[in-house]
Amino acid sequence: MYSKTLLQKILEEHGFTGQILDVTPNLDDYRTSSGQWVSANRGEEIAAWLSRKNRWGHRFAVLDDDSDMAGVREHLVQTSWESGLQDVHVEKVVTLLTEGPRPRHRSLSS
């Protein structure tokens, strides 16, 4: 939703001192191998990033308040826009990053 630059600025205004290294692509519309245009969901954007960065096979966690995570759902720790990140979410993230499944590459068209 935000560019890397704008997100960095917003986070710094709230005390963030780190650096954003990358963002997922915006795949509002993409063309499949058969030439058909389809809308991507958030999970497909994350899968595209994993593919581009050759990160399949690495443990990861997705923190989001939405559930449109086709392809990476088993890595989702769903938060709430009302209550934000809670201790229970952090515990789930730690488990995913230390004991969770190592994902295998998935195609956007599957």
Foldseek 3Di string as FASTA:
>chain_A
DDDLVVVVVVVVVVPDDDHDDDDFDQCQWDADPVGDIDGADPLLSVLVVCVVVVPQQAFFADEEQDQRNPPCNQRYQHDHPVPPDDPVSVVSRVCRRPPNDRGDRDDSVD
